[in-house]
């Protein structure tokens, strides 16, 4: 990989300033917008079943694939190269004992492991877990090669509620919220503690070589940062969410200085008021979900989030950028956009720069920072 790839990005220090301003709910010179596009097409690699473990866990193969993807990507606006060496789904549940299944070269899963609450093992951080040792090797190998070339994203550790849903199974856990409440609360506390230990350890490996904090959402932070999520919440009432899950989300906001809550799908909206009351949580990522209308169809919801002083992290289509910039406050707004070509990416950035400046002047009548 070419040395100094990060330095080749136009004004990387300015990009860092924009991310830092976003975390503060402010804007430097334009809206924070990270745009990517393919430079050229890459053929899909076919992986045989007996190669899957090597595909997912061999550092040389994983890093070569990630670096090839970076080389084929055009970074525009506030986008920057990130390599994610560990992308296995529900990985924290597997760290805690749920058997991992590698389905194909794009997906993995884990099977429930808690059949009997009284007979279960304690859900602790295990430094000798085989999958964790594999993850450490992947993170270390990527971080050693990353300096000056790219950032390294830590694994998607899921939220504690989502982890427990995978350990127990979603339907059994839903019943447990009525029949085994003390078991659920005790397990949630253990999972939360383990989550934090794995989060600390993952960043500790990366930080030996690369500064800054990056996770799967792609937002850069100078201070420790993490995503929060309880996708399982779509199955339960606000009262149950507030009783069994919200306290542990709040606990995470006290452990990690900067957090973004992953609000996924219309079924999760019923919990928004509770989430907006978390004073230490600065941002929300809204994901409409499969089959739902696009971002621009959710303007009342997005304005509601901004009105409570929370930052917005949104992935949207190129055509939606003008709509969102006309209807939302550009301060504290982060847009993640994927385009079909570098030329389209440049046009989107030009429009975003113009529209965010106009929005700042017309609505506020004030000069940008």
Protein backbone atom coordinates (compact mmCIF):
# COMPACT_ATOMS: atom_id res chain seq x y z
CA UNK A 1 0.00 0.00 0.00
CA UNK A 2 1.24 3.50 -0.80
CA UNK A 3 2.77 5.22 2.20
CA UNK A 4 1.19 8.39 3.47
CA UNK A 5 -2.31 7.75 2.10
CA UNK A 6 -3.86 9.79 4.93
CA UNK A 7 -1.54 12.70 4.15
CA UNK A 8 -2.73 12.64 0.56
CA UNK A 9 -6.27 13.48 1.65
CA UNK A 10 -6.94 17.18 1.17
CA UNK A 11 -6.47 19.00 4.45
CA UNK A 12 -6.84 16.07 6.87
CA UNK A 13 -6.38 18.41 9.90
CA UNK A 14 -9.39 20.41 8.68
CA UNK A 15 -11.43 17.23 8.41
CA UNK A 16 -10.55 16.38 12.00
CA UNK A 17 -11.71 19.85 13.03
CA UNK A 18 -15.06 19.24 11.35
CA UNK A 19 -15.56 15.96 13.21
CA UNK A 20 -14.62 17.58 16.51
CA UNK A 21 -17.03 20.46 15.82
CA UNK A 22 -19.77 17.96 15.01
CA UNK A 23 -19.33 16.20 18.35
CA UNK A 24 -19.85 19.63 19.95
CA UNK A 25 -22.96 20.33 17.89
CA UNK A 26 -21.19 23.01 15.88
CA UNK A 27 -19.95 23.59 12.32
CA UNK A 28 -16.58 24.82 11.09
CA UNK A 29 -17.08 25.92 7.48
CA UNK A 30 -19.73 23.55 6.08
CA UNK A 31 -21.80 20.54 7.03
CA UNK A 32 -19.86 17.40 7.96
CA UNK A 33 -20.30 15.13 4.94
CA UNK A 34 -18.31 11.98 4.19
CA UNK A 35 -18.67 10.85 0.58
CA UNK A 36 -17.26 7.72 -1.00
CA UNK A 37 -17.36 6.30 -4.52
CA UNK A 38 -15.67 3.44 -6.36
CA UNK A 39 -12.60 4.29 -8.42
CA UNK A 40 -12.97 1.05 -10.33
CA UNK A 41 -14.93 -2.18 -10.03
CA UNK A 42 -13.47 -5.15 -8.19
CA UNK A 43 -14.39 -8.74 -9.02
CA UNK A 44 -16.06 -10.67 -6.21
CA UNK A 45 -13.93 -13.41 -4.77
CA UNK A 46 -15.62 -16.79 -4.50
CA UNK A 47 -14.83 -18.57 -1.25
CA UNK A 48 -15.24 -22.31 -0.80
CA UNK A 49 -16.83 -23.53 2.45
CA UNK A 50 -13.60 -25.06 3.72
CA UNK A 51 -11.85 -21.69 3.20
CA UNK A 52 -14.28 -19.61 5.24
CA UNK A 53 -12.37 -19.59 8.51
CA UNK A 54 -9.20 -18.55 6.72
CA UNK A 55 -11.17 -15.87 4.82
CA UNK A 56 -12.43 -14.35 8.07
CA UNK A 57 -9.47 -14.84 10.42
CA UNK A 58 -6.16 -15.00 8.51
CA UNK A 59 -4.58 -11.54 9.08
CA UNK A 60 -2.67 -11.55 5.77
CA UNK A 61 -5.80 -12.36 3.80
CA UNK A 62 -8.08 -10.01 5.75
CA UNK A 63 -5.72 -7.03 5.57
CA UNK A 64 -4.91 -7.56 1.89
CA UNK A 65 -8.63 -7.57 1.13
CA UNK A 66 -9.21 -4.44 3.22
CA UNK A 67 -6.31 -2.56 1.66
CA UNK A 68 -7.51 -3.49 -1.83
CA UNK A 69 -10.89 -2.03 -0.94
CA UNK A 70 -9.30 1.19 0.29
CA UNK A 71 -7.22 1.50 -2.87
CA UNK A 72 -10.36 1.14 -4.99
CA UNK A 73 -12.29 3.82 -3.07
CA UNK A 74 -12.51 7.53 -3.80
CA UNK A 75 -12.67 9.58 -0.57
CA UNK A 76 -14.39 12.93 -0.85
CA UNK A 77 -15.41 15.60 1.61
CA UNK A 78 -14.82 14.31 5.13
CA UNK A 79 -14.46 10.64 4.19
CA UNK A 80 -11.22 8.93 5.12
CA UNK A 81 -9.85 5.38 4.78
CA UNK A 82 -10.68 2.91 7.54
CA UNK A 83 -9.82 -0.78 7.60
CA UNK A 84 -12.11 -3.05 9.63
CA UNK A 85 -10.19 -6.27 10.26
CA UNK A 86 -12.95 -7.92 12.30
CA UNK A 87 -16.46 -7.72 10.85
CA UNK A 88 -18.04 -10.86 12.29
CA UNK A 89 -21.62 -10.24 13.44
CA UNK A 90 -22.52 -10.61 17.13
CA UNK A 91 -18.90 -11.10 18.02
CA UNK A 92 -19.30 -10.14 21.70
CA UNK A 93 -21.84 -12.90 22.20
CA UNK A 94 -19.26 -15.32 20.80
CA UNK A 95 -16.62 -13.89 23.13
CA UNK A 96 -19.06 -14.84 25.92
CA UNK A 97 -19.67 -18.39 24.77
CA UNK A 98 -22.21 -18.37 21.91
CA UNK A 99 -21.01 -20.69 19.12
CA UNK A 100 -20.01 -18.75 15.99
CA UNK A 101 -21.19 -19.82 12.54
CA UNK A 102 -19.40 -18.54 9.42
CA UNK A 103 -22.13 -18.71 6.80
CA UNK A 104 -20.35 -17.36 3.72
CA UNK A 105 -17.85 -14.64 2.76
CA UNK A 106 -20.36 -11.90 3.66
CA UNK A 107 -22.17 -13.11 6.76
CA UNK A 108 -21.71 -14.82 10.09
CA UNK A 109 -23.96 -15.57 13.02
CA UNK A 110 -23.97 -17.12 16.46
CA UNK A 111 -26.25 -19.62 18.14
CA UNK A 112 -27.85 -19.14 21.55
CA UNK A 113 -25.93 -20.69 24.44
CA UNK A 114 -28.05 -20.00 27.54
CA UNK A 115 -30.62 -22.78 27.97
CA UNK A 116 -30.93 -22.71 31.74
CA UNK A 117 -30.51 -19.50 33.75
CA UNK A 118 -29.56 -21.41 36.90
CA UNK A 119 -26.89 -23.48 35.16
CA UNK A 120 -25.30 -20.78 33.02
CA UNK A 121 -21.68 -19.72 33.41
CA UNK A 122 -20.92 -16.17 34.50
CA UNK A 123 -20.64 -13.81 31.52
CA UNK A 124 -17.15 -12.43 32.06
CA UNK A 125 -14.40 -10.94 29.95
CA UNK A 126 -12.21 -13.90 28.98
CA UNK A 127 -8.72 -12.94 27.81
CA UNK A 128 -8.16 -16.51 26.57
CA UNK A 129 -11.30 -16.88 24.47
CA UNK A 130 -10.21 -18.30 21.11
CA UNK A 131 -12.18 -15.84 19.02
CA UNK A 132 -10.95 -12.92 21.13
CA UNK A 133 -7.33 -14.03 20.59
CA UNK A 134 -8.04 -14.17 16.85
CA UNK A 135 -9.56 -10.69 16.99
CA UNK A 136 -6.52 -9.36 18.84
CA UNK A 137 -4.23 -10.72 16.12
CA UNK A 138 -6.34 -9.11 13.40
CA UNK A 139 -6.42 -5.72 15.15
CA UNK A 140 -2.70 -5.76 15.92
CA UNK A 141 -1.70 -6.76 12.38
CA UNK A 142 -3.88 -4.04 10.85
CA UNK A 143 -2.76 -1.35 13.30
CA UNK A 144 0.90 -2.08 12.63
CA UNK A 145 0.39 -1.43 8.90
CA UNK A 146 -2.03 1.45 9.34
CA UNK A 147 0.28 4.30 10.31
CA UNK A 148 -0.02 7.04 7.70
CA UNK A 149 -2.22 4.86 5.50
CA UNK A 150 -5.59 4.40 7.19
CA UNK A 151 -7.40 4.16 10.49
CA UNK A 152 -8.43 0.87 12.08
CA UNK A 153 -12.00 0.29 13.22
CA UNK A 154 -12.69 -1.83 16.28
CA UNK A 155 -15.20 -4.70 16.01
CA UNK A 156 -18.93 -4.04 16.17
CA UNK A 157 -19.41 -5.19 19.76
CA UNK A 158 -23.22 -4.66 19.76
CA UNK A 159 -25.04 -3.29 22.78
CA UNK A 160 -25.51 -5.41 25.92
CA UNK A 161 -29.22 -5.99 25.23
CA UNK A 162 -28.46 -7.22 21.73
CA UNK A 163 -25.66 -9.43 23.06
CA UNK A 164 -27.97 -11.01 25.62
CA UNK A 165 -30.64 -11.57 22.96
CA UNK A 166 -28.11 -13.56 20.96
CA UNK A 167 -26.89 -15.52 23.99
CA UNK A 168 -30.40 -16.42 25.10
CA UNK A 169 -32.39 -16.14 21.85
CA UNK A 170 -34.78 -13.28 21.13
CA UNK A 171 -38.05 -15.08 21.81
CA UNK A 172 -36.91 -16.74 25.06
CA UNK A 173 -35.51 -13.39 26.25
CA UNK A 174 -38.83 -11.67 25.54
CA UNK A 175 -40.56 -14.23 27.79
CA UNK A 176 -37.83 -13.82 30.41
CA UNK A 177 -38.69 -10.14 30.75
CA UNK A 178 -41.90 -11.36 32.37
CA UNK A 179 -40.92 -14.64 34.00
CA UNK A 180 -37.19 -14.29 34.86
CA UNK A 181 -36.64 -10.61 35.51
CA UNK A 182 -33.91 -10.95 38.12
CA UNK A 183 -31.94 -13.32 35.89
CA UNK A 184 -32.16 -10.83 33.02
CA UNK A 185 -30.99 -7.88 35.11
CA UNK A 186 -28.09 -9.87 36.56
CA UNK A 187 -27.01 -11.07 33.12
CA UNK A 188 -27.31 -7.57 31.66
CA UNK A 189 -24.96 -6.22 34.32
CA UNK A 190 -22.40 -8.93 33.54
CA UNK A 191 -22.65 -8.41 29.78
CA UNK A 192 -22.25 -4.65 30.18
CA UNK A 193 -19.07 -5.07 32.19
CA UNK A 194 -17.69 -7.55 29.65
CA UNK A 195 -18.63 -5.23 26.77
CA UNK A 196 -16.65 -2.42 28.35
CA UNK A 197 -13.59 -4.60 28.91
CA UNK A 198 -13.59 -5.79 25.29
CA UNK A 199 -14.14 -2.23 24.08
CA UNK A 200 -11.19 -0.97 26.14
CA UNK A 201 -8.96 -3.83 25.05
CA UNK A 202 -9.81 -3.41 21.35
CA UNK A 203 -8.99 0.29 21.34
CA UNK A 204 -5.89 -0.34 23.44
CA UNK A 205 -4.45 -2.57 20.72
CA UNK A 206 -5.17 -0.05 17.96
CA UNK A 207 -4.01 2.97 19.95
CA UNK A 208 -0.50 1.57 20.24
CA UNK A 209 -0.06 2.49 16.58
CA UNK A 210 -2.91 4.74 15.42
CA UNK A 211 -4.48 7.69 17.23
CA UNK A 212 -8.12 8.67 17.24
CA UNK A 213 -11.20 6.52 17.78
CA UNK A 214 -13.15 4.94 14.91
CA UNK A 215 -15.85 2.27 14.90
CA UNK A 216 -18.25 0.91 12.31
CA UNK A 217 -20.24 4.16 11.92
CA UNK A 218 -17.16 5.86 10.48
CA UNK A 219 -17.17 9.00 12.65
CA UNK A 220 -13.68 10.04 13.77
CA UNK A 221 -13.19 11.20 17.35
CA UNK A 222 -10.22 12.54 19.25
CA UNK A 223 -11.76 11.30 22.51
CA UNK A 224 -12.93 7.74 23.29
CA UNK A 225 -16.15 7.02 21.39
CA UNK A 226 -18.52 4.09 20.85
CA UNK A 227 -21.85 3.11 19.35
CA UNK A 228 -24.77 2.08 21.56
CA UNK A 229 -27.63 -0.13 20.42
CA UNK A 230 -30.50 -2.35 21.53
CA UNK A 231 -32.12 -3.59 18.32
CA UNK A 232 -34.03 -6.10 20.45
CA UNK A 233 -36.00 -3.12 21.78
CA UNK A 234 -38.26 -3.25 18.71
CA UNK A 235 -39.90 -6.28 20.32
CA UNK A 236 -40.79 -4.68 23.66
CA UNK A 237 -42.74 -1.82 25.23
CA UNK A 238 -41.23 1.49 26.38
CA UNK A 239 -41.82 0.43 29.98
CA UNK A 240 -39.81 -2.76 29.55
CA UNK A 241 -37.07 -0.91 27.70
CA UNK A 242 -36.79 1.66 30.48
CA UNK A 243 -36.67 -1.06 33.14
CA UNK A 244 -34.32 -3.62 31.62
CA UNK A 245 -32.14 -1.83 29.05
CA UNK A 246 -32.05 1.94 29.43
CA UNK A 247 -30.09 1.85 32.73
CA UNK A 248 -27.32 -0.11 31.05
CA UNK A 249 -27.23 2.22 28.03
CA UNK A 250 -26.94 5.11 30.48
CA UNK A 251 -24.11 3.27 32.24
CA UNK A 252 -22.24 3.04 28.95
CA UNK A 253 -22.59 6.81 28.45
CA UNK A 254 -20.84 7.28 31.79
CA UNK A 255 -17.99 4.97 30.81
CA UNK A 256 -17.40 6.33 27.29
CA UNK A 257 -17.11 10.13 26.79
CA UNK A 258 -18.73 10.14 23.33
CA UNK A 259 -21.51 7.85 22.18
CA UNK A 260 -23.91 7.50 19.24
CA UNK A 261 -27.11 5.52 19.69
CA UNK A 262 -28.04 3.31 16.73
CA UNK A 263 -31.82 3.82 16.37
CA UNK A 264 -32.78 1.15 13.85
CA UNK A 265 -36.22 0.97 12.28
CA UNK A 266 -39.71 2.32 12.98
CA UNK A 267 -40.19 -0.14 15.85
CA UNK A 268 -37.43 1.56 17.81
CA UNK A 269 -38.99 5.04 17.65
CA UNK A 270 -41.21 4.29 20.64
CA UNK A 271 -38.08 4.47 22.83
CA UNK A 272 -36.79 7.77 21.46
CA UNK A 273 -38.11 9.97 24.28
CA UNK A 274 -36.25 7.89 26.86
CA UNK A 275 -33.06 8.01 24.82
CA UNK A 276 -33.28 11.77 24.33
CA UNK A 277 -33.24 12.15 28.12
CA UNK A 278 -29.74 10.66 28.34
CA UNK A 279 -27.72 13.82 28.97
CA UNK A 280 -24.31 12.24 28.38
CA UNK A 281 -25.26 10.77 24.98
CA UNK A 282 -24.57 13.44 22.33
CA UNK A 283 -25.74 11.79 19.10
CA UNK A 284 -28.24 9.49 17.44
CA UNK A 285 -27.88 7.54 14.22
CA UNK A 286 -31.27 7.04 12.57
CA UNK A 287 -31.57 4.07 10.22
CA UNK A 288 -35.01 3.74 8.58
CA UNK A 289 -34.55 -0.01 8.13
CA UNK A 290 -35.20 -2.42 5.29
CA UNK A 291 -38.31 -1.62 3.27
CA UNK A 292 -38.90 1.73 5.02
CA UNK A 293 -38.97 5.14 3.30
CA UNK A 294 -35.58 6.91 2.89
CA UNK A 295 -34.06 9.48 5.26
CA UNK A 296 -35.76 12.46 3.64
CA UNK A 297 -39.19 10.99 4.50
CA UNK A 298 -38.44 11.21 8.24
CA UNK A 299 -37.94 14.96 8.60
CA UNK A 300 -40.30 15.44 11.59
CA UNK A 301 -38.44 12.71 13.47
CA UNK A 302 -35.04 14.19 12.58
CA UNK A 303 -36.13 17.70 13.61
CA UNK A 304 -37.41 16.28 16.88
CA UNK A 305 -33.96 14.82 17.60
CA UNK A 306 -32.18 18.07 16.72
CA UNK A 307 -34.62 20.09 18.83
CA UNK A 308 -33.42 18.16 21.88
CA UNK A 309 -29.83 19.14 21.20
CA UNK A 310 -28.64 15.79 19.85
CA UNK A 311 -26.33 15.42 16.86
CA UNK A 312 -27.56 13.42 13.87
CA UNK A 313 -25.58 10.74 12.05
CA UNK A 314 -27.36 9.82 8.79
CA UNK A 315 -26.54 7.66 5.80
CA UNK A 316 -28.41 8.91 2.76
CA UNK A 317 -28.58 8.78 -1.03
CA UNK A 318 -26.95 11.59 -3.06
CA UNK A 319 -30.32 13.02 -4.14
CA UNK A 320 -31.34 13.47 -0.48
CA UNK A 321 -28.43 15.75 0.46
CA UNK A 322 -30.11 19.00 -0.74
CA UNK A 323 -33.38 18.05 0.97
CA UNK A 324 -31.73 17.32 4.31
CA UNK A 325 -29.62 20.47 4.18
CA UNK A 326 -32.63 22.63 3.40
CA UNK A 327 -34.77 21.12 6.15
CA UNK A 328 -32.31 20.41 8.98
CA UNK A 329 -29.79 22.43 10.94
CA UNK A 330 -26.31 21.91 9.43
CA UNK A 331 -24.67 22.22 12.86
CA UNK A 332 -24.43 18.80 14.47
CA UNK A 333 -25.42 17.08 11.22
CA UNK A 334 -23.24 14.29 9.82
CA UNK A 335 -24.10 12.86 6.40
CA UNK A 336 -22.61 9.63 5.06
CA UNK A 337 -23.13 9.35 1.30
CA UNK A 338 -22.10 6.73 -1.25
CA UNK A 339 -21.96 7.78 -4.91
CA UNK A 340 -21.63 5.85 -8.14
CA UNK A 341 -18.53 7.72 -9.38
CA UNK A 342 -15.89 10.22 -8.24
CA UNK A 343 -17.49 12.83 -10.50
CA UNK A 344 -20.84 12.45 -8.76
CA UNK A 345 -19.09 12.62 -5.37
CA UNK A 346 -17.46 15.92 -6.30
CA UNK A 347 -20.81 17.36 -7.38
CA UNK A 348 -22.48 16.30 -4.14
CA UNK A 349 -19.72 17.94 -2.10
CA UNK A 350 -19.97 21.15 -4.09
CA UNK A 351 -23.74 21.31 -3.56
CA UNK A 352 -23.40 20.48 0.15
CA UNK A 353 -20.84 23.24 0.64
CA UNK A 354 -23.04 25.80 -1.07
CA UNK A 355 -26.27 24.77 0.63
CA UNK A 356 -24.88 24.49 4.15
CA UNK A 357 -23.34 27.96 3.85
CA UNK A 358 -26.63 29.42 2.60
CA UNK A 359 -28.53 27.68 5.41
CA UNK A 360 -26.16 29.13 8.00
CA UNK A 361 -26.52 32.68 6.70
CA UNK A 362 -30.23 32.73 5.88
CA UNK A 363 -31.57 30.96 8.95
CA UNK A 364 -29.22 32.35 11.56
CA UNK A 365 -27.87 35.50 9.97
CA UNK A 366 -24.52 34.77 11.59
CA UNK A 367 -21.05 34.15 10.35
CA UNK A 368 -19.70 30.59 10.52
CA UNK A 369 -16.91 29.78 12.96
